[in-house]
mmCIF file of all heavy atoms, coordinates in Angstrom:
data_MODEL
# 
_entry.id   MODEL 
# 
loop_
_atom_site.group_PDB 
_atom_site.id 
_atom_site.type_symbol 
_atom_site.label_atom_id 
_atom_site.label_alt_id 
_atom_site.label_comp_id 
_atom_site.label_asym_id 
_atom_site.label_entity_id 
_atom_site.label_seq_id 
_atom_site.pdbx_PDB_ins_code 
_atom_site.Cartn_x 
_atom_site.Cartn_y 
_atom_site.Cartn_z 
_atom_site.occupancy 
_atom_site.B_iso_or_equiv 
_atom_site.pdbx_formal_charge 
_atom_site.auth_seq_id 
_atom_site.auth_comp_id 
_atom_site.auth_asym_id 
_atom_site.auth_atom_id 
_atom_site.pdbx_PDB_model_num 
ATOM 1   N N   . ILE A 1 1  ? 14.790 -10.044 20.546  1.00 0.00 ? 1  ILE A N   1 
ATOM 2   C CA  . ILE A 1 1  ? 14.638 -8.656  20.254  1.00 0.00 ? 1  ILE A CA  1 
ATOM 3   C C   . ILE A 1 1  ? 15.355 -8.237  18.907  1.00 0.00 ? 1  ILE A C   1 
ATOM 4   O O   . ILE A 1 1  ? 16.402 -8.751  18.642  1.00 0.00 ? 1  ILE A O   1 
ATOM 5   C CB  . ILE A 1 1  ? 15.239 -7.841  21.460  1.00 0.00 ? 1  ILE A CB  1 
ATOM 6   C CG1 . ILE A 1 1  ? 14.511 -6.495  21.572  1.00 0.00 ? 1  ILE A CG1 1 
ATOM 7   C CG2 . ILE A 1 1  ? 16.697 -7.588  21.305  1.00 0.00 ? 1  ILE A CG2 1 
ATOM 8   C CD1 . ILE A 1 1  ? 14.839 -5.777  22.957  1.00 0.00 ? 1  ILE A CD1 1 
ATOM 9   N N   . LYS A 1 2  ? 14.600 -7.528  18.169  1.00 0.00 ? 2  LYS A N   1 
ATOM 10  C CA  . LYS A 1 2  ? 15.057 -7.142  16.868  1.00 0.00 ? 2  LYS A CA  1 
ATOM 11  C C   . LYS A 1 2  ? 15.225 -8.320  15.857  1.00 0.00 ? 2  LYS A C   1 
ATOM 12  O O   . LYS A 1 2  ? 16.087 -8.234  14.908  1.00 0.00 ? 2  LYS A O   1 
ATOM 13  C CB  . LYS A 1 2  ? 16.353 -6.293  16.890  1.00 0.00 ? 2  LYS A CB  1 
ATOM 14  C CG  . LYS A 1 2  ? 16.203 -4.972  17.629  1.00 0.00 ? 2  LYS A CG  1 
ATOM 15  C CD  . LYS A 1 2  ? 17.552 -4.207  17.440  1.00 0.00 ? 2  LYS A CD  1 
ATOM 16  C CE  . LYS A 1 2  ? 17.448 -2.838  18.091  1.00 0.00 ? 2  LYS A CE  1 
ATOM 17  N NZ  . LYS A 1 2  ? 18.680 -2.098  17.852  1.00 0.00 ? 2  LYS A NZ  1 
ATOM 18  N N   . ALA A 1 3  ? 14.562 -9.368  16.108  1.00 0.00 ? 3  ALA A N   1 
ATOM 19  C CA  . ALA A 1 3  ? 14.734 -10.621 15.331  1.00 0.00 ? 3  ALA A CA  1 
ATOM 20  C C   . ALA A 1 3  ? 14.519 -10.309 13.763  1.00 0.00 ? 3  ALA A C   1 
ATOM 21  O O   . ALA A 1 3  ? 15.180 -10.752 13.072  1.00 0.00 ? 3  ALA A O   1 
ATOM 22  C CB  . ALA A 1 3  ? 13.871 -11.728 15.806  1.00 0.00 ? 3  ALA A CB  1 
ATOM 23  N N   . PHE A 1 4  ? 13.414 -9.551  13.493  1.00 0.00 ? 4  PHE A N   1 
ATOM 24  C CA  . PHE A 1 4  ? 13.071 -9.292  12.143  1.00 0.00 ? 4  PHE A CA  1 
ATOM 25  C C   . PHE A 1 4  ? 14.142 -8.499  11.357  1.00 0.00 ? 4  PHE A C   1 
ATOM 26  O O   . PHE A 1 4  ? 14.275 -8.615  10.246  1.00 0.00 ? 4  PHE A O   1 
ATOM 27  C CB  . PHE A 1 4  ? 11.642 -8.648  12.001  1.00 0.00 ? 4  PHE A CB  1 
ATOM 28  C CG  . PHE A 1 4  ? 11.176 -8.709  10.604  1.00 0.00 ? 4  PHE A CG  1 
ATOM 29  C CD1 . PHE A 1 4  ? 10.716 -9.923  10.075  1.00 0.00 ? 4  PHE A CD1 1 
ATOM 30  C CD2 . PHE A 1 4  ? 11.177 -7.662  9.774   1.00 0.00 ? 4  PHE A CD2 1 
ATOM 31  C CE1 . PHE A 1 4  ? 10.245 -10.022 8.776   1.00 0.00 ? 4  PHE A CE1 1 
ATOM 32  C CE2 . PHE A 1 4  ? 10.696 -7.693  8.511   1.00 0.00 ? 4  PHE A CE2 1 
ATOM 33  C CZ  . PHE A 1 4  ? 10.267 -8.862  7.956   1.00 0.00 ? 4  PHE A CZ  1 
ATOM 34  N N   . ASP A 1 5  ? 14.856 -7.696  12.132  1.00 0.00 ? 5  ASP A N   1 
ATOM 35  C CA  . ASP A 1 5  ? 15.918 -6.819  11.560  1.00 0.00 ? 5  ASP A CA  1 
ATOM 36  C C   . ASP A 1 5  ? 17.050 -7.704  10.948  1.00 0.00 ? 5  ASP A C   1 
ATOM 37  O O   . ASP A 1 5  ? 17.750 -7.172  10.154  1.00 0.00 ? 5  ASP A O   1 
ATOM 38  C CB  . ASP A 1 5  ? 16.524 -5.892  12.620  1.00 0.00 ? 5  ASP A CB  1 
ATOM 39  C CG  . ASP A 1 5  ? 15.463 -4.902  13.118  1.00 0.00 ? 5  ASP A CG  1 
ATOM 40  O OD1 . ASP A 1 5  ? 14.446 -4.764  12.446  1.00 0.00 ? 5  ASP A OD1 1 
ATOM 41  O OD2 . ASP A 1 5  ? 15.762 -4.212  14.059  1.00 0.00 ? 5  ASP A OD2 1 
ATOM 42  N N   . VAL A 1 6  ? 17.192 -8.972  11.367  1.00 0.00 ? 6  VAL A N   1 
ATOM 43  C CA  . VAL A 1 6  ? 18.298 -9.743  10.831  1.00 0.00 ? 6  VAL A CA  1 
ATOM 44  C C   . VAL A 1 6  ? 17.871 -10.927 9.955   1.00 0.00 ? 6  VAL A C   1 
ATOM 45  O O   . VAL A 1 6  ? 18.650 -11.763 9.580   1.00 0.00 ? 6  VAL A O   1 
ATOM 46  C CB  . VAL A 1 6  ? 19.185 -10.287 12.051  1.00 0.00 ? 6  VAL A CB  1 
ATOM 47  C CG1 . VAL A 1 6  ? 19.854 -9.130  12.800  1.00 0.00 ? 6  VAL A CG1 1 
ATOM 48  C CG2 . VAL A 1 6  ? 18.405 -11.115 12.946  1.00 0.00 ? 6  VAL A CG2 1 
ATOM 49  N N   . VAL A 1 7  ? 16.566 -10.920 9.619   1.00 0.00 ? 7  VAL A N   1 
ATOM 50  C CA  . VAL A 1 7  ? 16.034 -11.986 8.805   1.00 0.00 ? 7  VAL A CA  1 
ATOM 51  C C   . VAL A 1 7  ? 16.627 -11.729 7.321   1.00 0.00 ? 7  VAL A C   1 
ATOM 52  O O   . VAL A 1 7  ? 16.550 -10.684 6.778   1.00 0.00 ? 7  VAL A O   1 
ATOM 53  C CB  . VAL A 1 7  ? 14.519 -11.934 8.734   1.00 0.00 ? 7  VAL A CB  1 
ATOM 54  C CG1 . VAL A 1 7  ? 13.959 -12.856 7.660   1.00 0.00 ? 7  VAL A CG1 1 
ATOM 55  C CG2 . VAL A 1 7  ? 14.004 -12.323 10.027  1.00 0.00 ? 7  VAL A CG2 1 
ATOM 56  N N   . SER A 1 8  ? 17.099 -12.787 6.760   1.00 0.00 ? 8  SER A N   1 
ATOM 57  C CA  . SER A 1 8  ? 17.581 -12.745 5.437   1.00 0.00 ? 8  SER A CA  1 
ATOM 58  C C   . SER A 1 8  ? 16.360 -12.617 4.532   1.00 0.00 ? 8  SER A C   1 
ATOM 59  O O   . SER A 1 8  ? 15.475 -13.458 4.535   1.00 0.00 ? 8  SER A O   1 
ATOM 60  C CB  . SER A 1 8  ? 18.385 -14.084 5.094   1.00 0.00 ? 8  SER A CB  1 
ATOM 61  O OG  . SER A 1 8  ? 18.480 -14.246 3.678   1.00 0.00 ? 8  SER A OG  1 
ATOM 62  N N   . HIS A 1 9  ? 16.442 -11.661 3.569   1.00 0.00 ? 9  HIS A N   1 
ATOM 63  C CA  . HIS A 1 9  ? 15.313 -11.463 2.623   1.00 0.00 ? 9  HIS A CA  1 
ATOM 64  C C   . HIS A 1 9  ? 15.205 -12.553 1.760   1.00 0.00 ? 9  HIS A C   1 
ATOM 65  O O   . HIS A 1 9  ? 14.089 -12.997 1.295   1.00 0.00 ? 9  HIS A O   1 
ATOM 66  C CB  . HIS A 1 9  ? 15.527 -10.114 1.884   1.00 0.00 ? 9  HIS A CB  1 
ATOM 67  C CG  . HIS A 1 9  ? 15.373 -8.886  2.818   1.00 0.00 ? 9  HIS A CG  1 
ATOM 68  N ND1 . HIS A 1 9  ? 15.732 -7.649  2.350   1.00 0.00 ? 9  HIS A ND1 1 
ATOM 69  C CD2 . HIS A 1 9  ? 14.914 -8.765  4.007   1.00 0.00 ? 9  HIS A CD2 1 
ATOM 70  C CE1 . HIS A 1 9  ? 15.473 -6.749  3.324   1.00 0.00 ? 9  HIS A CE1 1 
ATOM 71  N NE2 . HIS A 1 9  ? 14.992 -7.411  4.370   1.00 0.00 ? 9  HIS A NE2 1 
ATOM 72  N N   . ASP A 1 10 ? 16.380 -13.175 1.345   1.00 0.00 ? 10 ASP A N   1 
ATOM 73  C CA  . ASP A 1 10 ? 16.297 -14.325 0.352   1.00 0.00 ? 10 ASP A CA  1 
ATOM 74  C C   . ASP A 1 10 ? 15.575 -15.490 0.985   1.00 0.00 ? 10 ASP A C   1 
ATOM 75  O O   . ASP A 1 10 ? 14.774 -16.155 0.379   1.00 0.00 ? 10 ASP A O   1 
ATOM 76  C CB  . ASP A 1 10 ? 17.759 -14.740 -0.043  1.00 0.00 ? 10 ASP A CB  1 
ATOM 77  C CG  . ASP A 1 10 ? 18.381 -13.637 -0.927  1.00 0.00 ? 10 ASP A CG  1 
ATOM 78  O OD1 . ASP A 1 10 ? 17.655 -12.944 -1.611  1.00 0.00 ? 10 ASP A OD1 1 
ATOM 79  O OD2 . ASP A 1 10 ? 19.629 -13.580 -0.913  1.00 0.00 ? 10 ASP A OD2 1 
ATOM 80  N N   . ILE A 1 11 ? 15.902 -15.797 2.254   1.00 0.00 ? 11 ILE A N   1 
ATOM 81  C CA  . ILE A 1 11 ? 15.227 -16.915 2.943   1.00 0.00 ? 11 ILE A CA  1 
ATOM 82  C C   . ILE A 1 11 ? 13.731 -16.644 3.184   1.00 0.00 ? 11 ILE A C   1 
ATOM 83  O O   . ILE A 1 11 ? 12.884 -17.405 2.960   1.00 0.00 ? 11 ILE A O   1 
ATOM 84  C CB  . ILE A 1 11 ? 15.912 -17.213 4.366   1.00 0.00 ? 11 ILE A CB  1 
ATOM 85  C CG1 . ILE A 1 11 ? 17.332 -17.755 4.042   1.00 0.00 ? 11 ILE A CG1 1 
ATOM 86  C CG2 . ILE A 1 11 ? 15.062 -18.141 5.182   1.00 0.00 ? 11 ILE A CG2 1 
ATOM 87  C CD1 . ILE A 1 11 ? 18.144 -17.804 5.414   1.00 0.00 ? 11 ILE A CD1 1 
ATOM 88  N N   . LEU A 1 12 ? 13.408 -15.347 3.516   1.00 0.00 ? 12 LEU A N   1 
ATOM 89  C CA  . LEU A 1 12 ? 12.074 -14.957 3.750   1.00 0.00 ? 12 LEU A CA  1 
ATOM 90  C C   . LEU A 1 12 ? 11.246 -15.097 2.347   1.00 0.00 ? 12 LEU A C   1 
ATOM 91  O O   . LEU A 1 12 ? 10.053 -15.642 2.345   1.00 0.00 ? 12 LEU A O   1 
ATOM 92  C CB  . LEU A 1 12 ? 11.955 -13.495 4.191   1.00 0.00 ? 12 LEU A CB  1 
ATOM 93  C CG  . LEU A 1 12 ? 10.535 -12.889 4.330   1.00 0.00 ? 12 LEU A CG  1 
ATOM 94  C CD1 . LEU A 1 12 ? 9.773  -13.732 5.382   1.00 0.00 ? 12 LEU A CD1 1 
ATOM 95  C CD2 . LEU A 1 12 ? 10.635 -11.493 4.735   1.00 0.00 ? 12 LEU A CD2 1 
ATOM 96  N N   . LEU A 1 13 ? 11.842 -14.685 1.269   1.00 0.00 ? 13 LEU A N   1 
ATOM 97  C CA  . LEU A 1 13 ? 11.154 -14.810 0.037   1.00 0.00 ? 13 LEU A CA  1 
ATOM 98  C C   . LEU A 1 13 ? 10.920 -16.265 -0.383  1.00 0.00 ? 13 LEU A C   1 
ATOM 99  O O   . LEU A 1 13 ? 9.943  -16.665 -0.966  1.00 0.00 ? 13 LEU A O   1 
ATOM 100 C CB  . LEU A 1 13 ? 11.950 -14.062 -1.060  1.00 0.00 ? 13 LEU A CB  1 
ATOM 101 C CG  . LEU A 1 13 ? 11.928 -12.512 -0.930  1.00 0.00 ? 13 LEU A CG  1 
ATOM 102 C CD1 . LEU A 1 13 ? 12.902 -11.901 -1.829  1.00 0.00 ? 13 LEU A CD1 1 
ATOM 103 C CD2 . LEU A 1 13 ? 10.465 -12.043 -1.221  1.00 0.00 ? 13 LEU A CD2 1 
ATOM 104 N N   . ARG A 1 14 ? 11.999 -17.156 -0.115  1.00 0.00 ? 14 ARG A N   1 
ATOM 105 C CA  . ARG A 1 14 ? 11.804 -18.522 -0.393  1.00 0.00 ? 14 ARG A CA  1 
ATOM 106 C C   . ARG A 1 14 ? 10.696 -19.175 0.420   1.00 0.00 ? 14 ARG A C   1 
ATOM 107 O O   . ARG A 1 14 ? 9.924  -20.007 -0.056  1.00 0.00 ? 14 ARG A O   1 
ATOM 108 C CB  . ARG A 1 14 ? 13.117 -19.272 -0.139  1.00 0.00 ? 14 ARG A CB  1 
ATOM 109 C CG  . ARG A 1 14 ? 14.106 -19.080 -1.377  1.00 0.00 ? 14 ARG A CG  1 
ATOM 110 C CD  . ARG A 1 14 ? 15.185 -20.184 -1.305  1.00 0.00 ? 14 ARG A CD  1 
ATOM 111 N NE  . ARG A 1 14 ? 15.990 -20.215 -0.037  1.00 0.00 ? 14 ARG A NE  1 
ATOM 112 C CZ  . ARG A 1 14 ? 17.133 -19.409 0.156   1.00 0.00 ? 14 ARG A CZ  1 
ATOM 113 N NH1 . ARG A 1 14 ? 17.628 -18.690 -0.764  1.00 0.00 ? 14 ARG A NH1 1 
ATOM 114 N NH2 . ARG A 1 14 ? 17.744 -19.513 1.343   1.00 0.00 ? 14 ARG A NH2 1 
ATOM 115 N N   . LYS A 1 15 ? 10.600 -18.792 1.668   1.00 0.00 ? 15 LYS A N   1 
ATOM 116 C CA  . LYS A 1 15 ? 9.543  -19.362 2.589   1.00 0.00 ? 15 LYS A CA  1 
ATOM 117 C C   . LYS A 1 15 ? 8.176  -18.867 2.075   1.00 0.00 ? 15 LYS A C   1 
ATOM 118 O O   . LYS A 1 15 ? 7.219  -19.666 2.037   1.00 0.00 ? 15 LYS A O   1 
ATOM 119 C CB  . LYS A 1 15 ? 9.782  -18.826 4.008   1.00 0.00 ? 15 LYS A CB  1 
ATOM 120 C CG  . LYS A 1 15 ? 10.902 -19.666 4.719   1.00 0.00 ? 15 LYS A CG  1 
ATOM 121 C CD  . LYS A 1 15 ? 10.901 -19.402 6.129   1.00 0.00 ? 15 LYS A CD  1 
ATOM 122 C CE  . LYS A 1 15 ? 11.969 -20.287 6.779   1.00 0.00 ? 15 LYS A CE  1 
ATOM 123 N NZ  . LYS A 1 15 ? 11.507 -21.338 7.441   1.00 0.00 ? 15 LYS A NZ  1 
ATOM 124 N N   . LEU A 1 16 ? 8.011  -17.594 1.624   1.00 0.00 ? 16 LEU A N   1 
ATOM 125 C CA  . LEU A 1 16 ? 6.749  -17.109 1.078   1.00 0.00 ? 16 LEU A CA  1 
ATOM 126 C C   . LEU A 1 16 ? 6.418  -17.895 -0.050  1.00 0.00 ? 16 LEU A C   1 
ATOM 127 O O   . LEU A 1 16 ? 5.202  -18.325 -0.264  1.00 0.00 ? 16 LEU A O   1 
ATOM 128 C CB  . LEU A 1 16 ? 6.940  -15.621 0.727   1.00 0.00 ? 16 LEU A CB  1 
ATOM 129 C CG  . LEU A 1 16 ? 6.967  -14.659 1.927   1.00 0.00 ? 16 LEU A CG  1 
ATOM 130 C CD1 . LEU A 1 16 ? 7.200  -13.208 1.389   1.00 0.00 ? 16 LEU A CD1 1 
ATOM 131 C CD2 . LEU A 1 16 ? 5.600  -14.670 2.626   1.00 0.00 ? 16 LEU A CD2 1 
ATOM 132 N N   . GLU A 1 17 ? 7.367  -18.282 -1.011  1.00 0.00 ? 17 GLU A N   1 
ATOM 133 C CA  . GLU A 1 17 ? 7.103  -19.013 -2.153  1.00 0.00 ? 17 GLU A CA  1 
ATOM 134 C C   . GLU A 1 17 ? 6.627  -20.475 -1.805  1.00 0.00 ? 17 GLU A C   1 
ATOM 135 O O   . GLU A 1 17 ? 5.682  -20.981 -2.365  1.00 0.00 ? 17 GLU A O   1 
ATOM 136 C CB  . GLU A 1 17 ? 8.259  -19.098 -3.127  1.00 0.00 ? 17 GLU A CB  1 
ATOM 137 C CG  . GLU A 1 17 ? 8.008  -19.583 -4.420  1.00 0.00 ? 17 GLU A CG  1 
ATOM 138 C CD  . GLU A 1 17 ? 9.168  -19.387 -5.408  1.00 0.00 ? 17 GLU A CD  1 
ATOM 139 O OE1 . GLU A 1 17 ? 10.363 -19.160 -4.963  1.00 0.00 ? 17 GLU A OE1 1 
ATOM 140 O OE2 . GLU A 1 17 ? 8.965  -19.549 -6.639  1.00 0.00 ? 17 GLU A OE2 1 
ATOM 141 N N   . LYS A 1 18 ? 7.256  -21.106 -0.784  1.00 0.00 ? 18 LYS A N   1 
ATOM 142 C CA  . LYS A 1 18 ? 6.804  -22.356 -0.326  1.00 0.00 ? 18 LYS A CA  1 
ATOM 143 C C   . LYS A 1 18 ? 5.445  -22.340 0.183   1.00 0.00 ? 18 LYS A C   1 
ATOM 144 O O   . LYS A 1 18 ? 4.657  -23.355 0.255   1.00 0.00 ? 18 LYS A O   1 
ATOM 145 C CB  . LYS A 1 18 ? 7.788  -22.918 0.691   1.00 0.00 ? 18 LYS A CB  1 
ATOM 146 C CG  . LYS A 1 18 ? 9.092  -23.486 0.132   1.00 0.00 ? 18 LYS A CG  1 
ATOM 147 C CD  . LYS A 1 18 ? 9.852  -24.082 1.188   1.00 0.00 ? 18 LYS A CD  1 
ATOM 148 C CE  . LYS A 1 18 ? 11.148 -24.762 0.646   1.00 0.00 ? 18 LYS A CE  1 
ATOM 149 N NZ  . LYS A 1 18 ? 11.976 -25.397 1.598   1.00 0.00 ? 18 LYS A NZ  1 
ATOM 150 N N   . MET A 1 19 ? 5.027  -21.234 0.770   1.00 0.00 ? 19 MET A N   1 
ATOM 151 C CA  . MET A 1 19 ? 3.714  -21.018 1.278   1.00 0.00 ? 19 MET A CA  1 
ATOM 152 C C   . MET A 1 19 ? 2.559  -20.620 0.287   1.00 0.00 ? 19 MET A C   1 
ATOM 153 O O   . MET A 1 19 ? 1.536  -20.244 0.635   1.00 0.00 ? 19 MET A O   1 
ATOM 154 C CB  . MET A 1 19 ? 3.699  -20.034 2.460   1.00 0.00 ? 19 MET A CB  1 
ATOM 155 C CG  . MET A 1 19 ? 4.557  -20.616 3.610   1.00 0.00 ? 19 MET A CG  1 
ATOM 156 S SD  . MET A 1 19 ? 4.424  -19.414 5.003   1.00 0.00 ? 19 MET A SD  1 
ATOM 157 C CE  . MET A 1 19 ? 5.034  -20.459 6.389   1.00 0.00 ? 19 MET A CE  1 
ATOM 158 N N   . GLY A 1 20 ? 3.015  -20.763 -0.948  1.00 0.00 ? 20 GLY A N   1 
ATOM 159 C CA  . GLY A 1 20 ? 2.034  -20.384 -2.065  1.00 0.00 ? 20 GLY A CA  1 
ATOM 160 C C   . GLY A 1 20 ? 1.964  -18.999 -2.513  1.00 0.00 ? 20 GLY A C   1 
ATOM 161 O O   . GLY A 1 20 ? 1.140  -18.657 -3.353  1.00 0.00 ? 20 GLY A O   1 
ATOM 162 N N   . ILE A 1 21 ? 2.817  -18.148 -2.051  1.00 0.00 ? 21 ILE A N   1 
ATOM 163 C CA  . ILE A 1 21 ? 2.900  -16.707 -2.586  1.00 0.00 ? 21 ILE A CA  1 
ATOM 164 C C   . ILE A 1 21 ? 3.731  -16.793 -3.813  1.00 0.00 ? 21 ILE A C   1 
ATOM 165 O O   . ILE A 1 21 ? 4.986  -16.992 -3.729  1.00 0.00 ? 21 ILE A O   1 
ATOM 166 C CB  . ILE A 1 21 ? 3.505  -15.771 -1.570  1.00 0.00 ? 21 ILE A CB  1 
ATOM 167 C CG1 . ILE A 1 21 ? 2.784  -15.936 -0.133  1.00 0.00 ? 21 ILE A CG1 1 
ATOM 168 C CG2 . ILE A 1 21 ? 3.467  -14.374 -2.028  1.00 0.00 ? 21 ILE A CG2 1 
ATOM 169 C CD1 . ILE A 1 21 ? 1.350  -15.658 -0.167  1.00 0.00 ? 21 ILE A CD1 1 
ATOM 170 N N   . THR A 1 22 ? 3.134  -16.563 -4.969  1.00 0.00 ? 22 THR A N   1 
ATOM 171 C CA  . THR A 1 22 ? 3.877  -16.725 -6.263  1.00 0.00 ? 22 THR A CA  1 
ATOM 172 C C   . THR A 1 22 ? 3.449  -15.532 -7.200  1.00 0.00 ? 22 THR A C   1 
ATOM 173 O O   . THR A 1 22 ? 2.611  -14.755 -6.815  1.00 0.00 ? 22 THR A O   1 
ATOM 174 C CB  . THR A 1 22 ? 3.555  -17.981 -6.977  1.00 0.00 ? 22 THR A CB  1 
ATOM 175 O OG1 . THR A 1 22 ? 2.163  -18.092 -7.173  1.00 0.00 ? 22 THR A OG1 1 
ATOM 176 C CG2 . THR A 1 22 ? 4.026  -19.223 -6.098  1.00 0.00 ? 22 THR A CG2 1 
ATOM 177 N N   . GLY A 1 23 ? 4.075  -15.480 -8.328  1.00 0.00 ? 23 GLY A N   1 
ATOM 178 C CA  . GLY A 1 23 ? 3.683  -14.561 -9.375  1.00 0.00 ? 23 GLY A CA  1 
ATOM 179 C C   . GLY A 1 23 ? 3.799  -13.160 -8.985  1.00 0.00 ? 23 GLY A C   1 
ATOM 180 O O   . GLY A 1 23 ? 4.848  -12.668 -8.374  1.00 0.00 ? 23 GLY A O   1 
ATOM 181 N N   . ILE A 1 24 ? 2.799  -12.384 -9.302  1.00 0.00 ? 24 ILE A N   1 
ATOM 182 C CA  . ILE A 1 24 ? 2.816  -10.865 -9.045  1.00 0.00 ? 24 ILE A CA  1 
ATOM 183 C C   . ILE A 1 24 ? 2.995  -10.537 -7.586  1.00 0.00 ? 24 ILE A C   1 
ATOM 184 O O   . ILE A 1 24 ? 3.718  -9.639  -7.180  1.00 0.00 ? 24 ILE A O   1 
ATOM 185 C CB  . ILE A 1 24 ? 1.542  -10.277 -9.544  1.00 0.00 ? 24 ILE A CB  1 
ATOM 186 C CG1 . ILE A 1 24 ? 1.526  -10.292 -11.094 1.00 0.00 ? 24 ILE A CG1 1 
ATOM 187 C CG2 . ILE A 1 24 ? 1.470  -8.778  -9.137  1.00 0.00 ? 24 ILE A CG2 1 
ATOM 188 C CD1 . ILE A 1 24 ? 0.167  -9.903  -11.668 1.00 0.00 ? 24 ILE A CD1 1 
ATOM 189 N N   . ALA A 1 25 ? 2.331  -11.380 -6.675  1.00 0.00 ? 25 ALA A N   1 
ATOM 190 C CA  . ALA A 1 25 ? 2.507  -11.120 -5.211  1.00 0.00 ? 25 ALA A CA  1 
ATOM 191 C C   . ALA A 1 25 ? 3.843  -11.371 -4.840  1.00 0.00 ? 25 ALA A C   1 
ATOM 192 O O   . ALA A 1 25 ? 4.414  -10.468 -4.067  1.00 0.00 ? 25 ALA A O   1 
ATOM 193 C CB  . ALA A 1 25 ? 1.586  -12.099 -4.470  1.00 0.00 ? 25 ALA A CB  1 
# 
């Protein structure tokens, strides 16, 4: 419960980058 409220933004951004989200996105 409330798991997303405690997600580290830095970790989330690194995971997005590993999944191919780069540049402007």
